[in-house]
Amino acid sequence: MHTRVFLVTLNLLILANINSASAGQSNSLMDISADGRLLACSNRDSGTVSIVNLTDQRVAHEIAVGKHPEGVSFLGGTHQLAVAVYGDDVIKLLNADSGDVINRIEVFDEPYGVVASSDGKRIFVTLDYPGKLVEIDSEKWSVVRELSIGAFLRGICIDAADQRVLVTEFHSTKVKAVDLVTGQV
C-alpha cells in the first residue's frame, strides 16, 4: 500500500514538473522554441540540425554543424539556438529562421548537454569526459567560467529561476546540483 502511494505521488510530481517546463530548460537532442513555432533536432549521424516549422510540419532548414551534434537549446524567446557539437569540441549558435550558423566557440573537450537561461543570455554546457560545466555569455560569445563537477557529465537542466543547474554523471547516474551564484556543487 505504501509503495503504491509513493509511486502515485512520484508520478504526479513528475507530471507536474513536465507540464510546467518550458523550452530550453532541459537538455535533449530536440527543443521547441518558446513561441511553439519551431522544433530543432540534432542529427548525430549526418552532422546536421533540422529546423521544423511546426505550423506546417515541414523541414525549413537542414543546417550542417559538424561531427556528432548532441544537445540543442533555443535561447530565451528567440529563434537562435545553441548546439553542442561533440566531435568538434565546439558550441555553435544558429539562426533557426535563416538557417545560418551565426557564431561558434571552442570548448575544451566533448560538449554534450546544453541549456539556456530563461532570458537566453547564459548558456550552460556539460563537457562529457573532463566532467566540467561551462557557462557561456551569449551576447559576448565568450566562456565566463568552467566548473569541475564530476565524471562523464551529460544530462543537464536549469531551474525556472535560473539559480541552479542539475547535471548527471553518465556512468554513476549521480545527479549533482550546481548553485549558479556561488558555483558550489
N, C-alpha and C. Protein backbone atom coordinates (compact mmCIF):
# COMPACT_ATOMS: atom_id res chain seq x y z
N MET A 1 0.82 -1.19 0.00
CA MET A 1 0.00 0.00 0.00
C MET A 1 0.87 1.26 0.00
N HIS A 2 1.90 1.29 0.88
CA HIS A 2 2.77 2.47 0.95
C HIS A 2 3.54 2.64 -0.35
N THR A 3 3.93 1.53 -0.96
CA THR A 3 4.66 1.60 -2.23
C THR A 3 3.78 2.21 -3.32
N ARG A 4 2.53 1.80 -3.35
CA ARG A 4 1.60 2.32 -4.36
C ARG A 4 1.39 3.83 -4.16
N VAL A 5 1.21 4.27 -2.93
CA VAL A 5 1.04 5.70 -2.65
C VAL A 5 2.29 6.47 -3.07
N PHE A 6 3.45 5.91 -2.77
CA PHE A 6 4.71 6.56 -3.16
C PHE A 6 4.81 6.70 -4.67
N LEU A 7 4.51 5.61 -5.41
CA LEU A 7 4.61 5.64 -6.86
C LEU A 7 3.62 6.62 -7.48
N VAL A 8 2.40 6.67 -6.96
CA VAL A 8 1.41 7.62 -7.46
C VAL A 8 1.88 9.05 -7.21
N THR A 9 2.39 9.30 -6.01
CA THR A 9 2.90 10.64 -5.67
C THR A 9 4.08 11.01 -6.56
N LEU A 10 4.99 10.07 -6.78
CA LEU A 10 6.14 10.31 -7.64
C LEU A 10 5.69 10.63 -9.06
N ASN A 11 4.75 9.87 -9.58
CA ASN A 11 4.25 10.13 -10.93
C ASN A 11 3.60 11.51 -11.04
N LEU A 12 2.85 11.90 -10.03
CA LEU A 12 2.23 13.22 -10.04
C LEU A 12 3.27 14.33 -10.02
N LEU A 13 4.31 14.15 -9.22
CA LEU A 13 5.38 15.14 -9.19
C LEU A 13 6.09 15.25 -10.54
N ILE A 14 6.34 14.11 -11.15
CA ILE A 14 6.98 14.11 -12.47
C ILE A 14 6.09 14.81 -13.49
N LEU A 15 4.81 14.47 -13.51
CA LEU A 15 3.89 15.11 -14.45
C LEU A 15 3.77 16.60 -14.19
N ALA A 16 3.75 17.00 -12.94
CA ALA A 16 3.67 18.43 -12.62
C ALA A 16 4.89 19.16 -13.14
N ASN A 17 6.06 18.57 -13.00
CA ASN A 17 7.27 19.21 -13.50
C ASN A 17 7.32 19.23 -15.02
N ILE A 18 6.84 18.19 -15.66
CA ILE A 18 6.83 18.16 -17.12
C ILE A 18 5.89 19.23 -17.65
N ASN A 19 4.72 19.35 -17.06
CA ASN A 19 3.75 20.32 -17.54
C ASN A 19 4.19 21.75 -17.33
N SER A 20 5.05 22.01 -16.33
CA SER A 20 5.47 23.38 -16.08
C SER A 20 6.81 23.71 -16.72
N ALA A 21 7.42 22.75 -17.40
CA ALA A 21 8.70 23.01 -18.05
C ALA A 21 8.48 23.86 -19.29
N SER A 22 9.48 24.66 -19.61
CA SER A 22 9.40 25.45 -20.83
C SER A 22 10.60 25.14 -21.70
N ALA A 23 10.54 25.61 -22.93
CA ALA A 23 11.61 25.33 -23.89
C ALA A 23 12.95 25.77 -23.35
N GLY A 24 13.97 24.96 -23.62
CA GLY A 24 15.33 25.32 -23.26
C GLY A 24 15.75 24.99 -21.85
N GLN A 25 14.84 24.50 -21.00
CA GLN A 25 15.18 24.24 -19.61
C GLN A 25 15.90 22.92 -19.40
N SER A 26 15.74 21.98 -20.29
CA SER A 26 16.41 20.71 -20.11
C SER A 26 17.05 20.26 -21.42
N ASN A 27 18.12 19.49 -21.27
CA ASN A 27 18.89 19.06 -22.42
C ASN A 27 18.17 17.97 -23.19
N SER A 28 18.31 18.04 -24.50
CA SER A 28 17.78 17.00 -25.34
C SER A 28 18.38 17.14 -26.73
N LEU A 29 18.19 16.13 -27.54
CA LEU A 29 18.56 16.22 -28.94
C LEU A 29 17.54 17.05 -29.70
N MET A 30 16.45 17.43 -29.01
CA MET A 30 15.40 18.27 -29.61
C MET A 30 15.01 19.37 -28.64
N ASP A 31 14.54 20.48 -29.20
CA ASP A 31 13.98 21.55 -28.38
C ASP A 31 12.92 22.27 -29.21
N ILE A 32 11.95 22.84 -28.53
CA ILE A 32 10.90 23.62 -29.17
C ILE A 32 11.09 25.07 -28.76
N SER A 33 10.96 25.99 -29.73
CA SER A 33 11.11 27.41 -29.43
C SER A 33 10.03 27.84 -28.44
N ALA A 34 10.31 28.91 -27.70
CA ALA A 34 9.39 29.38 -26.66
C ALA A 34 8.01 29.72 -27.22
N ASP A 35 7.94 30.18 -28.47
CA ASP A 35 6.65 30.50 -29.06
C ASP A 35 5.94 29.29 -29.65
N GLY A 36 6.59 28.12 -29.60
CA GLY A 36 5.99 26.88 -30.07
C GLY A 36 5.95 26.72 -31.57
N ARG A 37 6.61 27.61 -32.32
CA ARG A 37 6.55 27.56 -33.78
C ARG A 37 7.60 26.66 -34.42
N LEU A 38 8.76 26.49 -33.75
CA LEU A 38 9.86 25.76 -34.36
C LEU A 38 10.35 24.61 -33.48
N LEU A 39 10.77 23.55 -34.12
CA LEU A 39 11.41 22.41 -33.46
C LEU A 39 12.81 22.30 -34.04
N ALA A 40 13.80 22.16 -33.15
CA ALA A 40 15.18 21.90 -33.58
C ALA A 40 15.53 20.49 -33.16
N CYS A 41 16.18 19.76 -34.05
CA CYS A 41 16.56 18.38 -33.78
C CYS A 41 17.97 18.12 -34.28
N SER A 42 18.86 17.70 -33.39
CA SER A 42 20.22 17.37 -33.85
C SER A 42 20.22 15.97 -34.46
N ASN A 43 20.95 15.86 -35.55
CA ASN A 43 21.05 14.60 -36.28
C ASN A 43 22.50 14.14 -36.18
N ARG A 44 22.76 13.32 -35.20
CA ARG A 44 24.12 12.91 -34.86
C ARG A 44 24.87 12.27 -36.03
N ASP A 45 24.22 11.40 -36.77
CA ASP A 45 24.90 10.68 -37.84
C ASP A 45 25.23 11.55 -39.05
N SER A 46 24.37 12.51 -39.36
CA SER A 46 24.60 13.34 -40.55
C SER A 46 25.32 14.65 -40.23
N GLY A 47 25.51 14.96 -38.94
CA GLY A 47 26.21 16.18 -38.58
C GLY A 47 25.41 17.44 -38.86
N THR A 48 24.10 17.34 -38.73
CA THR A 48 23.24 18.48 -39.03
C THR A 48 22.25 18.73 -37.90
N VAL A 49 21.60 19.89 -37.97
CA VAL A 49 20.45 20.20 -37.13
C VAL A 49 19.30 20.52 -38.05
N SER A 50 18.17 19.83 -37.85
CA SER A 50 16.96 20.09 -38.63
C SER A 50 16.10 21.11 -37.89
N ILE A 51 15.58 22.07 -38.64
CA ILE A 51 14.63 23.04 -38.10
C ILE A 51 13.29 22.73 -38.76
N VAL A 52 12.30 22.39 -37.92
CA VAL A 52 10.98 22.04 -38.42
C VAL A 52 10.01 23.14 -38.05
N ASN A 53 9.28 23.63 -39.05
CA ASN A 53 8.21 24.59 -38.81
C ASN A 53 7.01 23.78 -38.33
N LEU A 54 6.61 23.98 -37.09
CA LEU A 54 5.53 23.17 -36.53
C LEU A 54 4.15 23.59 -37.03
N THR A 55 4.05 24.77 -37.62
CA THR A 55 2.78 25.21 -38.17
C THR A 55 2.38 24.36 -39.37
N ASP A 56 3.33 24.16 -40.30
CA ASP A 56 3.01 23.34 -41.48
C ASP A 56 3.69 21.98 -41.46
N GLN A 57 4.43 21.69 -40.38
CA GLN A 57 5.11 20.41 -40.17
C GLN A 57 6.05 20.04 -41.31
N ARG A 58 6.81 21.04 -41.76
CA ARG A 58 7.80 20.83 -42.81
C ARG A 58 9.17 21.23 -42.32
N VAL A 59 10.19 20.56 -42.85
CA VAL A 59 11.57 20.92 -42.52
C VAL A 59 11.89 22.23 -43.23
N ALA A 60 12.18 23.26 -42.45
CA ALA A 60 12.50 24.57 -43.01
C ALA A 60 13.98 24.66 -43.39
N HIS A 61 14.84 24.04 -42.56
CA HIS A 61 16.29 24.09 -42.80
C HIS A 61 16.94 22.81 -42.29
N GLU A 62 18.01 22.43 -42.97
CA GLU A 62 18.90 21.36 -42.52
C GLU A 62 20.28 22.01 -42.48
N ILE A 63 20.77 22.29 -41.27
CA ILE A 63 21.98 23.09 -41.10
C ILE A 63 23.16 22.20 -40.75
N ALA A 64 24.21 22.23 -41.57
CA ALA A 64 25.43 21.48 -41.30
C ALA A 64 26.17 22.14 -40.14
N VAL A 65 26.48 21.35 -39.10
CA VAL A 65 27.15 21.91 -37.92
C VAL A 65 28.46 21.23 -37.57
N GLY A 66 28.71 20.02 -38.03
CA GLY A 66 29.96 19.33 -37.72
C GLY A 66 29.72 17.91 -37.24
N LYS A 67 30.79 17.32 -36.66
CA LYS A 67 30.76 15.91 -36.27
C LYS A 67 30.00 15.68 -34.95
N HIS A 68 28.96 14.93 -35.04
CA HIS A 68 28.19 14.43 -33.89
C HIS A 68 27.57 15.53 -33.02
N PRO A 69 26.63 16.29 -33.58
CA PRO A 69 25.91 17.24 -32.72
C PRO A 69 25.09 16.48 -31.69
N GLU A 70 25.02 17.04 -30.51
CA GLU A 70 24.25 16.42 -29.41
C GLU A 70 23.12 17.35 -28.98
N GLY A 71 23.27 18.01 -27.84
CA GLY A 71 22.20 18.84 -27.30
C GLY A 71 21.96 20.10 -28.10
N VAL A 72 20.69 20.51 -28.16
CA VAL A 72 20.29 21.79 -28.75
C VAL A 72 19.40 22.52 -27.76
N SER A 73 19.48 23.85 -27.78
CA SER A 73 18.65 24.64 -26.87
C SER A 73 18.39 26.01 -27.47
N PHE A 74 17.10 26.36 -27.60
CA PHE A 74 16.74 27.71 -28.03
C PHE A 74 17.12 28.68 -26.92
N LEU A 75 17.50 29.90 -27.30
CA LEU A 75 17.92 30.91 -26.35
C LEU A 75 16.75 31.83 -26.02
N GLY A 76 16.20 31.67 -24.82
CA GLY A 76 15.10 32.51 -24.38
C GLY A 76 13.93 32.47 -25.35
N GLY A 77 13.39 33.66 -25.66
CA GLY A 77 12.24 33.77 -26.56
C GLY A 77 12.63 33.94 -28.01
N THR A 78 13.90 33.74 -28.35
CA THR A 78 14.37 33.95 -29.72
C THR A 78 14.30 32.67 -30.54
N HIS A 79 14.62 32.81 -31.80
CA HIS A 79 14.77 31.66 -32.68
C HIS A 79 16.24 31.36 -32.93
N GLN A 80 17.10 31.84 -32.02
CA GLN A 80 18.50 31.45 -32.04
C GLN A 80 18.66 30.24 -31.14
N LEU A 81 19.56 29.34 -31.51
CA LEU A 81 19.77 28.18 -30.66
C LEU A 81 21.23 27.80 -30.61
N ALA A 82 21.60 27.22 -29.49
CA ALA A 82 22.96 26.71 -29.29
C ALA A 82 22.92 25.20 -29.53
N VAL A 83 23.99 24.70 -30.16
CA VAL A 83 24.12 23.26 -30.38
C VAL A 83 25.51 22.82 -29.94
N ALA A 84 25.57 21.75 -29.15
CA ALA A 84 26.84 21.18 -28.71
C ALA A 84 27.31 20.19 -29.77
N VAL A 85 28.46 20.48 -30.38
CA VAL A 85 29.00 19.62 -31.43
C VAL A 85 30.14 18.79 -30.81
N TYR A 86 29.76 17.61 -30.36
CA TYR A 86 30.63 16.72 -29.58
C TYR A 86 31.94 16.39 -30.27
N GLY A 87 31.89 16.03 -31.53
CA GLY A 87 33.08 15.57 -32.25
C GLY A 87 34.04 16.68 -32.65
N ASP A 88 33.60 17.93 -32.61
CA ASP A 88 34.44 19.06 -32.99
C ASP A 88 34.83 19.95 -31.80
N ASP A 89 34.30 19.63 -30.62
CA ASP A 89 34.59 20.41 -29.41
C ASP A 89 34.22 21.88 -29.56
N VAL A 90 33.03 22.13 -30.11
CA VAL A 90 32.55 23.50 -30.27
C VAL A 90 31.07 23.60 -29.90
N ILE A 91 30.68 24.83 -29.56
CA ILE A 91 29.27 25.18 -29.42
C ILE A 91 29.00 26.12 -30.58
N LYS A 92 27.96 25.85 -31.33
CA LYS A 92 27.60 26.73 -32.44
C LYS A 92 26.28 27.41 -32.14
N LEU A 93 26.20 28.66 -32.57
CA LEU A 93 24.99 29.44 -32.45
C LEU A 93 24.33 29.50 -33.82
N LEU A 94 23.06 29.09 -33.89
CA LEU A 94 22.33 29.03 -35.15
C LEU A 94 21.17 30.00 -35.15
N ASN A 95 20.83 30.51 -36.34
CA ASN A 95 19.62 31.27 -36.53
C ASN A 95 18.62 30.34 -37.20
N ALA A 96 17.60 29.94 -36.46
CA ALA A 96 16.65 28.96 -36.97
C ALA A 96 15.76 29.53 -38.07
N ASP A 97 15.58 30.85 -38.11
CA ASP A 97 14.76 31.45 -39.16
C ASP A 97 15.47 31.45 -40.50
N SER A 98 16.75 31.79 -40.50
CA SER A 98 17.50 31.87 -41.77
C SER A 98 18.25 30.59 -42.12
N GLY A 99 18.50 29.75 -41.12
CA GLY A 99 19.27 28.53 -41.34
C GLY A 99 20.77 28.77 -41.33
N ASP A 100 21.20 29.90 -40.81
CA ASP A 100 22.62 30.26 -40.80
C ASP A 100 23.30 29.89 -39.49
N VAL A 101 24.60 29.57 -39.59
CA VAL A 101 25.45 29.46 -38.41
C VAL A 101 25.94 30.87 -38.13
N ILE A 102 25.62 31.40 -36.95
CA ILE A 102 25.94 32.79 -36.61
C ILE A 102 27.32 32.90 -35.97
N ASN A 103 27.64 31.95 -35.11
CA ASN A 103 28.88 32.04 -34.35
C ASN A 103 29.28 30.66 -33.87
N ARG A 104 30.49 30.56 -33.34
CA ARG A 104 30.99 29.31 -32.76
C ARG A 104 31.99 29.66 -31.68
N ILE A 105 32.08 28.79 -30.70
CA ILE A 105 33.08 28.96 -29.65
C ILE A 105 33.65 27.58 -29.33
N GLU A 106 34.96 27.51 -29.25
CA GLU A 106 35.61 26.25 -28.91
C GLU A 106 35.54 26.04 -27.40
N VAL A 107 35.34 24.79 -27.02
CA VAL A 107 35.37 24.40 -25.62
C VAL A 107 36.41 23.30 -25.47
N PHE A 108 36.78 22.99 -24.24
CA PHE A 108 37.89 22.09 -24.00
C PHE A 108 37.72 20.73 -24.67
N ASP A 109 36.64 20.02 -24.38
CA ASP A 109 36.50 18.68 -24.93
C ASP A 109 35.09 18.14 -24.71
N GLU A 110 34.55 17.48 -25.72
CA GLU A 110 33.34 16.68 -25.66
C GLU A 110 32.11 17.40 -25.08
N PRO A 111 31.66 18.50 -25.71
CA PRO A 111 30.42 19.13 -25.26
C PRO A 111 29.24 18.21 -25.54
N TYR A 112 28.35 18.10 -24.59
CA TYR A 112 27.25 17.15 -24.74
C TYR A 112 25.89 17.80 -24.52
N GLY A 113 25.59 18.15 -23.27
CA GLY A 113 24.30 18.74 -22.96
C GLY A 113 24.38 20.26 -22.99
N VAL A 114 23.28 20.90 -23.37
CA VAL A 114 23.25 22.36 -23.42
C VAL A 114 21.86 22.86 -23.03
N VAL A 115 21.83 23.88 -22.17
CA VAL A 115 20.60 24.57 -21.80
C VAL A 115 20.89 26.06 -21.77
N ALA A 116 19.83 26.85 -21.79
CA ALA A 116 19.97 28.30 -21.74
C ALA A 116 19.13 28.86 -20.61
N SER A 117 19.58 29.99 -20.07
CA SER A 117 18.78 30.70 -19.07
C SER A 117 17.50 31.17 -19.73
N SER A 118 16.50 31.51 -18.94
CA SER A 118 15.20 31.89 -19.49
C SER A 118 15.26 33.13 -20.37
N ASP A 119 16.21 34.02 -20.12
CA ASP A 119 16.36 35.20 -20.96
C ASP A 119 17.31 34.96 -22.14
N GLY A 120 17.92 33.79 -22.19
CA GLY A 120 18.80 33.42 -23.28
C GLY A 120 20.19 34.04 -23.23
N LYS A 121 20.50 34.75 -22.16
CA LYS A 121 21.79 35.44 -22.07
C LYS A 121 22.93 34.55 -21.61
N ARG A 122 22.59 33.43 -20.96
CA ARG A 122 23.61 32.50 -20.49
C ARG A 122 23.32 31.11 -21.04
N ILE A 123 24.40 30.45 -21.48
CA ILE A 123 24.30 29.09 -21.99
C ILE A 123 25.17 28.21 -21.09
N PHE A 124 24.64 27.06 -20.70
CA PHE A 124 25.38 26.12 -19.85
C PHE A 124 25.56 24.82 -20.62
N VAL A 125 26.79 24.32 -20.62
CA VAL A 125 27.15 23.15 -21.41
C VAL A 125 27.90 22.15 -20.54
N THR A 126 27.53 20.87 -20.63
CA THR A 126 28.31 19.83 -19.96
C THR A 126 29.40 19.35 -20.91
N LEU A 127 30.60 19.14 -20.34
CA LEU A 127 31.70 18.54 -21.09
C LEU A 127 31.86 17.13 -20.55
N ASP A 128 31.61 16.16 -21.39
CA ASP A 128 31.48 14.76 -21.00
C ASP A 128 32.70 14.24 -20.25
N TYR A 129 33.79 13.97 -20.94
CA TYR A 129 34.93 13.32 -20.28
C TYR A 129 35.61 14.19 -19.22
N PRO A 130 35.87 15.45 -19.48
CA PRO A 130 36.54 16.20 -18.41
C PRO A 130 35.65 16.47 -17.20
N GLY A 131 34.33 16.24 -17.34
CA GLY A 131 33.42 16.41 -16.21
C GLY A 131 33.27 17.85 -15.77
N LYS A 132 33.17 18.75 -16.75
CA LYS A 132 33.07 20.17 -16.44
C LYS A 132 31.73 20.74 -16.90
N LEU A 133 31.37 21.84 -16.25
CA LEU A 133 30.22 22.65 -16.65
C LEU A 133 30.79 23.97 -17.14
N VAL A 134 30.42 24.37 -18.35
CA VAL A 134 30.89 25.61 -18.94
C VAL A 134 29.73 26.58 -19.01
N GLU A 135 29.98 27.83 -18.62
CA GLU A 135 28.99 28.89 -18.76
C GLU A 135 29.47 29.84 -19.85
N ILE A 136 28.58 30.13 -20.80
CA ILE A 136 28.90 31.00 -21.93
C ILE A 136 27.98 32.20 -21.91
N ASP A 137 28.54 33.39 -22.09
CA ASP A 137 27.78 34.62 -22.25
C ASP A 137 27.36 34.68 -23.72
N SER A 138 26.06 34.61 -23.99
CA SER A 138 25.61 34.54 -25.39
C SER A 138 25.67 35.88 -26.11
N GLU A 139 25.79 36.98 -25.37
CA GLU A 139 25.90 38.28 -26.02
C GLU A 139 27.35 38.58 -26.42
N LYS A 140 28.29 38.28 -25.54
CA LYS A 140 29.72 38.49 -25.83
C LYS A 140 30.32 37.29 -26.53
N TRP A 141 29.59 36.19 -26.52
CA TRP A 141 30.00 34.90 -27.07
C TRP A 141 31.38 34.52 -26.56
N SER A 142 31.45 34.42 -25.23
CA SER A 142 32.71 34.05 -24.58
C SER A 142 32.41 33.17 -23.37
N VAL A 143 33.40 32.35 -23.01
CA VAL A 143 33.28 31.50 -21.84
C VAL A 143 33.46 32.36 -20.60
N VAL A 144 32.48 32.31 -19.71
CA VAL A 144 32.51 33.08 -18.47
C VAL A 144 33.25 32.30 -17.39
N ARG A 145 32.93 31.00 -17.29
CA ARG A 145 33.60 30.16 -16.29
C ARG A 145 33.44 28.69 -16.64
N GLU A 146 34.38 27.90 -16.08
CA GLU A 146 34.34 26.45 -16.17
C GLU A 146 34.41 25.90 -14.75
N LEU A 147 33.52 24.98 -14.44
CA LEU A 147 33.50 24.38 -13.11
C LEU A 147 33.70 22.88 -13.23
N SER A 148 34.61 22.33 -12.44
CA SER A 148 34.79 20.87 -12.38
C SER A 148 33.71 20.32 -11.47
N ILE A 149 32.89 19.42 -12.02
CA ILE A 149 31.70 18.95 -11.30
C ILE A 149 31.79 17.48 -10.94
N GLY A 150 32.22 16.65 -11.86
CA GLY A 150 32.22 15.20 -11.63
C GLY A 150 32.80 14.51 -12.85
N ALA A 151 32.39 13.27 -13.04
CA ALA A 151 32.93 12.48 -14.15
C ALA A 151 31.85 12.19 -15.19
N PHE A 152 32.22 12.31 -16.46
CA PHE A 152 31.35 11.95 -17.58
C PHE A 152 29.97 12.62 -17.48
N LEU A 153 29.97 13.95 -17.50
CA LEU A 153 28.72 14.71 -17.41
C LEU A 153 28.01 14.72 -18.76
N ARG A 154 26.72 14.50 -18.72
CA ARG A 154 25.92 14.54 -19.95
C ARG A 154 24.64 15.34 -19.75
N GLY A 155 23.69 14.78 -19.02
CA GLY A 155 22.40 15.45 -18.87
C GLY A 155 22.51 16.75 -18.11
N ILE A 156 21.64 17.70 -18.44
CA ILE A 156 21.65 18.99 -17.78
C ILE A 156 20.26 19.61 -17.86
N CYS A 157 19.87 20.30 -16.80
CA CYS A 157 18.65 21.10 -16.82
C CYS A 157 18.86 22.30 -15.91
N ILE A 158 18.08 23.33 -16.12
CA ILE A 158 18.18 24.56 -15.33
C ILE A 158 16.82 24.83 -14.70
N ASP A 159 16.82 25.32 -13.46
CA ASP A 159 15.54 25.58 -12.81
C ASP A 159 14.90 26.85 -13.39
N ALA A 160 13.62 27.02 -13.13
CA ALA A 160 12.85 28.13 -13.70
C ALA A 160 13.35 29.49 -13.23
N ALA A 161 14.01 29.54 -12.07
CA ALA A 161 14.53 30.81 -11.55
C ALA A 161 15.95 31.11 -12.04
N ASP A 162 16.52 30.22 -12.82
CA ASP A 162 17.90 30.37 -13.34
C ASP A 162 18.93 30.47 -12.21
N GLN A 163 18.66 29.79 -11.11
CA GLN A 163 19.57 29.82 -9.96
C GLN A 163 20.37 28.54 -9.78
N ARG A 164 19.90 27.45 -10.39
CA ARG A 164 20.54 26.17 -10.17
C ARG A 164 20.47 25.31 -11.43
N VAL A 165 21.58 24.61 -11.67
CA VAL A 165 21.65 23.65 -12.78
C VAL A 165 21.83 22.27 -12.17
N LEU A 166 21.12 21.30 -12.72
CA LEU A 166 21.30 19.90 -12.33
C LEU A 166 22.00 19.20 -13.48
N VAL A 167 23.06 18.44 -13.16
CA VAL A 167 23.78 17.68 -14.17
C VAL A 167 23.84 16.22 -13.75
N THR A 168 23.92 15.34 -14.73
CA THR A 168 24.00 13.90 -14.43
C THR A 168 25.34 13.35 -14.89
N GLU A 169 25.85 12.43 -14.08
CA GLU A 169 27.04 11.67 -14.46
C GLU A 169 26.57 10.42 -15.20
N PHE A 170 27.11 10.21 -16.38
CA PHE A 170 26.65 9.13 -17.25
C PHE A 170 26.87 7.74 -16.63
N HIS A 171 28.07 7.46 -16.13
CA HIS A 171 28.38 6.12 -15.63
C HIS A 171 27.82 5.85 -14.24
N SER A 172 27.84 6.83 -13.36
CA SER A 172 27.39 6.61 -11.98
C SER A 172 25.90 6.89 -11.80
N THR A 173 25.29 7.58 -12.71
CA THR A 173 23.90 8.05 -12.66
C THR A 173 23.65 9.06 -11.53
N LYS A 174 24.70 9.60 -10.95
CA LYS A 174 24.54 10.61 -9.91
C LYS A 174 24.01 11.90 -10.53
N VAL A 175 23.17 12.58 -9.78
CA VAL A 175 22.68 13.90 -10.16
C VAL A 175 23.31 14.90 -9.21
N LYS A 176 23.90 15.94 -9.78
CA LYS A 176 24.57 16.95 -8.96
C LYS A 176 23.94 18.31 -9.22
N ALA A 177 23.67 19.02 -8.12
CA ALA A 177 23.09 20.36 -8.21
C ALA A 177 24.20 21.38 -8.10
N VAL A 178 24.19 22.37 -9.00
CA VAL A 178 25.19 23.42 -9.01
C VAL A 178 24.50 24.75 -8.77
N ASP A 179 24.89 25.44 -7.70
CA ASP A 179 24.38 26.78 -7.41
C ASP A 179 25.07 27.74 -8.37
N LEU A 180 24.29 28.43 -9.21
CA LEU A 180 24.89 29.27 -10.24
C LEU A 180 25.41 30.59 -9.70
N VAL A 181 25.01 30.96 -8.49
CA VAL A 181 25.54 32.18 -7.88
C VAL A 181 26.92 31.90 -7.30
N THR A 182 27.04 30.82 -6.54
CA THR A 182 28.31 30.53 -5.84
C THR A 182 29.20 29.57 -6.62
N GLY A 183 28.64 28.78 -7.52
CA GLY A 183 29.41 27.77 -8.23
C GLY A 183 29.62 26.51 -7.41
N GLN A 184 29.01 26.44 -6.25
CA GLN A 184 29.15 25.28 -5.36
C GLN A 184 28.27 24.12 -5.81
N VAL A 185 28.81 22.90 -5.67
CA VAL A 185 28.08 21.69 -6.00
C VAL A 185 27.41 21.15 -4.75
